[in-house]
């Protein structure tokens, strides 16, 4: 994908990674559309992106996720990519995580990204990209994060299957498998307290890797050697 002029929807643009990614894409010449929960934050990110169009949504409303994709395609005159940066964490032993919390984690971390990308398949064609952030927790399955890790693993498996489906169409499907990042994400958990965490990777490092992966039509971003992120084509 040539990012110059590329029309890209960023759901989760009110988060630290999503907002930074939107600004990066704009700086590289892309035309982002921004979606998130908080209107004020969306407005600030939009200002940094020369007035990019914005729309609020709630990840609980899966139909609204799909409608947001249709809205972005209408606003931008089509779509070349969707990069879903939506997510929420929770901490605690599996036996102590309530069903409401478990359902919340599954919806926000798996079902909502799937809904965005499912709707995007009707708009994104050859040369385009469907992408979502998963996380190293999907592979590591750390204790005290069972439901969160399971939701991210479900999304990763879904992305793998869709990649196989869209291969002949020339549409790249990118899994953004990030390690712990230097954000407040863990401290905004819906339940429980995060364990002691090492210093995370800078957001700018993740954003640079995502931009590189989008340009290259890569299939995976994952932790590499020496603390760097590896882009796998």
Protein backbone atom coordinates (compact mmCIF):
# COMPACT_ATOMS: atom_id res chain seq x y z
CA UNK A 1 0.00 0.00 0.00
CA UNK A 2 1.19 3.49 -0.86
CA UNK A 3 0.25 5.46 2.24
CA UNK A 4 0.10 8.71 0.30
CA UNK A 5 -3.60 9.28 -0.25
CA UNK A 6 -4.58 5.96 1.35
CA UNK A 7 -8.02 6.07 2.98
CA UNK A 8 -7.71 4.39 6.37
CA UNK A 9 -10.21 4.00 9.20
CA UNK A 10 -8.70 3.87 12.70
CA UNK A 11 -11.20 2.56 15.29
CA UNK A 12 -9.79 3.22 18.75
CA UNK A 13 -8.27 6.55 17.72
CA UNK A 14 -8.91 7.92 21.22
CA UNK A 15 -6.33 5.52 22.70
CA UNK A 16 -2.64 6.31 22.90
CA UNK A 17 -1.62 3.94 20.13
CA UNK A 18 -4.61 4.68 17.90
CA UNK A 19 -4.24 8.44 18.26
CA UNK A 20 -0.51 8.36 17.58
CA UNK A 21 -1.07 6.08 14.59
CA UNK A 22 -3.68 8.42 13.12
CA UNK A 23 -1.28 11.37 13.42
CA UNK A 24 1.53 9.31 11.86
CA UNK A 25 -0.63 8.22 8.94
CA UNK A 26 -1.70 11.80 8.32
CA UNK A 27 1.94 12.95 8.38
CA UNK A 28 2.77 10.28 5.79
CA UNK A 29 0.07 11.56 3.46
CA UNK A 30 -2.77 9.17 4.26
CA UNK A 31 -6.38 10.27 4.73
CA UNK A 32 -7.53 8.83 8.09
CA UNK A 33 -11.07 8.59 9.44
CA UNK A 34 -11.21 8.43 13.23
CA UNK A 35 -13.57 6.46 15.47
CA UNK A 36 -13.69 6.17 19.24
CA UNK A 37 -15.81 6.54 22.35
CA UNK A 38 -14.85 10.01 23.54
CA UNK A 39 -15.93 12.92 21.34
CA UNK A 40 -13.57 15.47 22.93
CA UNK A 41 -10.51 13.26 22.44
CA UNK A 42 -11.56 12.50 18.88
CA UNK A 43 -11.79 16.22 18.20
CA UNK A 44 -8.24 16.76 19.46
CA UNK A 45 -6.88 13.93 17.34
CA UNK A 46 -8.82 15.26 14.36
CA UNK A 47 -7.21 18.67 14.78
CA UNK A 48 -3.79 17.02 14.58
CA UNK A 49 -4.92 15.35 11.34
CA UNK A 50 -6.11 18.49 9.52
CA UNK A 51 -9.75 17.96 10.46
CA UNK A 52 -10.07 14.25 9.69
CA UNK A 53 -13.69 13.03 9.92
CA UNK A 54 -14.74 11.57 13.28
CA UNK A 55 -17.49 9.28 14.58
CA UNK A 56 -18.23 7.93 18.03
CA UNK A 57 -19.13 4.30 18.65
CA UNK A 58 -19.48 1.84 21.52
CA UNK A 59 -17.79 -1.52 21.09
CA UNK A 60 -20.76 -3.18 22.80
CA UNK A 61 -22.87 -2.33 19.74
CA UNK A 62 -21.46 -4.64 17.08
CA UNK A 63 -23.87 -3.36 14.45
CA UNK A 64 -22.59 0.16 15.15
CA UNK A 65 -19.06 -1.07 14.47
CA UNK A 66 -20.13 -2.21 11.03
CA UNK A 67 -22.02 1.03 10.36
CA UNK A 68 -18.88 2.97 11.29
CA UNK A 69 -17.02 1.23 8.47
CA UNK A 70 -19.76 2.17 6.00
CA UNK A 71 -19.64 5.75 7.30
CA UNK A 72 -15.86 5.96 6.80
CA UNK A 73 -16.14 4.63 3.25
CA UNK A 74 -18.76 7.28 2.48
CA UNK A 75 -16.73 10.08 4.10
CA UNK A 76 -13.50 9.18 2.34
CA UNK A 77 -14.93 8.03 -0.97
CA UNK A 78 -13.86 4.44 -0.34
CA UNK A 79 -11.51 2.55 1.96
CA UNK A 80 -8.02 1.20 1.45
CA UNK A 81 -7.51 -0.05 4.98
CA UNK A 82 -8.86 -0.46 8.50
CA UNK A 83 -6.56 -0.67 11.53
CA UNK A 84 -8.45 -1.62 14.70
CA UNK A 85 -6.76 -0.37 17.87
CA UNK A 86 -9.62 -1.20 20.26
CA UNK A 87 -8.94 -3.13 23.46
CA UNK A 88 -9.40 -3.36 27.21
CA UNK A 89 -7.69 -5.46 29.90
CA UNK A 90 -8.70 -7.13 33.17
CA UNK A 91 -6.64 -8.88 35.83
CA UNK A 92 -7.29 -11.60 38.37
CA UNK A 93 -7.65 -15.39 38.71
CA UNK A 94 -10.07 -16.95 36.24
CA UNK A 95 -12.33 -18.17 39.04
CA UNK A 96 -12.77 -14.62 40.31
CA UNK A 97 -13.57 -12.93 37.01
CA UNK A 98 -17.31 -12.42 36.79
CA UNK A 99 -19.32 -13.33 33.72
CA UNK A 100 -20.07 -9.69 32.96
CA UNK A 101 -16.36 -8.87 32.89
CA UNK A 102 -15.61 -11.93 30.76
CA UNK A 103 -18.30 -10.95 28.27
CA UNK A 104 -16.96 -7.39 28.18
CA UNK A 105 -13.45 -8.61 27.42
CA UNK A 106 -14.63 -10.94 24.66
CA UNK A 107 -16.75 -8.22 23.05
CA UNK A 108 -14.20 -5.39 23.09
CA UNK A 109 -11.08 -7.45 22.34
CA UNK A 110 -12.47 -9.95 19.85
CA UNK A 111 -16.03 -9.45 18.62
CA UNK A 112 -15.80 -5.69 18.00
CA UNK A 113 -12.57 -5.89 15.96
CA UNK A 114 -14.08 -8.79 14.01
CA UNK A 115 -17.21 -6.70 13.33
CA UNK A 116 -15.15 -3.80 12.01
CA UNK A 117 -13.05 -5.98 9.74
CA UNK A 118 -15.99 -8.12 8.61
CA UNK A 119 -17.77 -4.98 7.41
CA UNK A 120 -14.54 -3.76 5.82
CA UNK A 121 -14.34 -6.81 3.54
CA UNK A 122 -17.10 -5.22 1.45
CA UNK A 123 -15.02 -2.07 0.90
CA UNK A 124 -11.31 -2.98 0.97
CA UNK A 125 -10.07 -4.51 -2.28
CA UNK A 126 -6.78 -5.55 -3.89
CA UNK A 127 -3.81 -3.72 -2.43
CA UNK A 128 -5.68 -2.85 0.75
CA UNK A 129 -5.10 -3.93 4.35
CA UNK A 130 -7.25 -5.28 7.18
CA UNK A 131 -5.42 -5.00 10.52
CA UNK A 132 -5.98 -5.29 14.25
CA UNK A 133 -3.95 -5.13 17.44
CA UNK A 134 -3.79 -8.41 19.36
CA UNK A 135 -0.96 -8.75 21.89
CA UNK A 136 1.77 -11.03 23.14
CA UNK A 137 -0.64 -12.16 25.89
CA UNK A 138 -2.39 -14.26 23.24
CA UNK A 139 0.68 -16.49 23.02
CA UNK A 140 2.08 -16.12 26.53
CA UNK A 141 -1.26 -16.77 28.30
CA UNK A 142 -0.02 -15.28 31.60
CA UNK A 143 -1.65 -16.27 34.88
CA UNK A 144 -4.16 -13.73 36.10
CA UNK A 145 -5.14 -12.71 32.56
CA UNK A 146 -6.97 -15.79 31.26
CA UNK A 147 -10.06 -14.12 29.81
CA UNK A 148 -8.16 -11.18 28.34
CA UNK A 149 -5.57 -13.49 26.76
CA UNK A 150 -8.28 -15.81 25.42
CA UNK A 151 -10.08 -12.94 23.71
CA UNK A 152 -6.89 -11.73 22.04
CA UNK A 153 -6.05 -15.29 20.97
CA UNK A 154 -9.49 -15.63 19.40
CA UNK A 155 -8.91 -12.48 17.39
CA UNK A 156 -5.49 -13.72 16.28
CA UNK A 157 -6.96 -17.01 15.05
CA UNK A 158 -9.72 -15.16 13.21
CA UNK A 159 -7.17 -12.93 11.47
CA UNK A 160 -5.19 -15.99 10.35
CA UNK A 161 -8.28 -17.56 8.77
CA UNK A 162 -9.31 -14.32 7.05
CA UNK A 163 -5.77 -13.92 5.70
CA UNK A 164 -6.13 -17.29 3.98
CA UNK A 165 -9.54 -16.31 2.62
CA UNK A 166 -8.36 -13.00 1.17
CA UNK A 167 -4.97 -14.09 -0.17
CA UNK A 168 -6.22 -14.56 -3.72
CA UNK A 169 -7.94 -11.18 -3.57
CA UNK A 170 -4.67 -9.36 -2.92
CA UNK A 171 -5.86 -8.00 0.44
CA UNK A 172 -3.28 -8.09 3.24
CA UNK A 173 -4.42 -9.12 6.73
CA UNK A 174 -2.10 -7.81 9.43
CA UNK A 175 -1.91 -8.99 13.04
CA UNK A 176 -0.25 -6.39 15.28
CA UNK A 177 1.08 -8.56 18.10
CA UNK A 178 2.44 -6.02 20.57
CA UNK A 179 4.26 -6.57 23.86
CA UNK A 180 3.70 -4.39 26.91
CA UNK A 181 3.73 -0.76 25.78
CA UNK A 182 4.59 2.38 27.70
CA UNK A 183 0.97 3.54 28.05
CA UNK A 184 -1.70 3.72 30.74
CA UNK A 185 -3.58 0.81 29.16
CA UNK A 186 -3.02 -1.67 32.01
CA UNK A 187 -4.12 0.89 34.58
CA UNK A 188 -7.45 1.40 32.81
CA UNK A 189 -8.44 -2.25 33.33
CA UNK A 190 -12.13 -2.98 33.83
CA UNK A 191 -11.33 -5.30 36.73
CA UNK A 192 -8.41 -6.10 39.03
CA UNK A 193 -4.97 -4.57 39.41
CA UNK A 194 -2.06 -5.15 37.01
CA UNK A 195 0.99 -7.04 38.29
CA UNK A 196 4.34 -5.23 38.46
CA UNK A 197 5.29 -4.54 34.85
CA UNK A 198 8.65 -3.73 33.30
CA UNK A 199 9.11 -0.58 31.31
CA UNK A 200 7.20 -0.93 28.06
CA UNK A 201 8.14 -0.12 24.49
CA UNK A 202 7.59 3.48 23.36
CA UNK A 203 4.37 4.10 21.45
CA UNK A 204 6.37 5.69 18.63
CA UNK A 205 8.15 2.38 18.04
CA UNK A 206 4.85 0.56 17.59
CA UNK A 207 3.47 3.26 15.31
CA UNK A 208 6.55 3.21 13.09
CA UNK A 209 6.31 -0.59 12.80
CA UNK A 210 2.61 -0.40 11.91
CA UNK A 211 3.25 2.19 9.20
CA UNK A 212 6.05 0.03 7.79
CA UNK A 213 3.84 -3.08 7.86
CA UNK A 214 0.96 -1.31 6.11
CA UNK A 215 3.30 -0.08 3.37
CA UNK A 216 4.80 -3.55 2.91
CA UNK A 217 1.55 -5.56 2.98
CA UNK A 218 3.00 -7.51 5.92
CA UNK A 219 1.12 -10.22 7.80
CA UNK A 220 2.52 -9.82 11.31
CA UNK A 221 4.21 -7.45 13.73
CA UNK A 222 5.77 -9.23 16.71
CA UNK A 223 8.47 -8.73 19.35
CA UNK A 224 11.89 -9.37 17.87
CA UNK A 225 15.38 -9.55 19.27
CA UNK A 226 16.85 -6.80 21.42
CA UNK A 227 13.49 -5.31 22.30
CA UNK A 228 12.73 -4.27 18.71
CA UNK A 229 9.54 -5.02 16.84
CA UNK A 230 9.81 -7.31 13.83
CA UNK A 231 7.70 -6.82 10.72
CA UNK A 232 7.02 -10.19 9.05
CA UNK A 233 6.05 -10.14 5.38
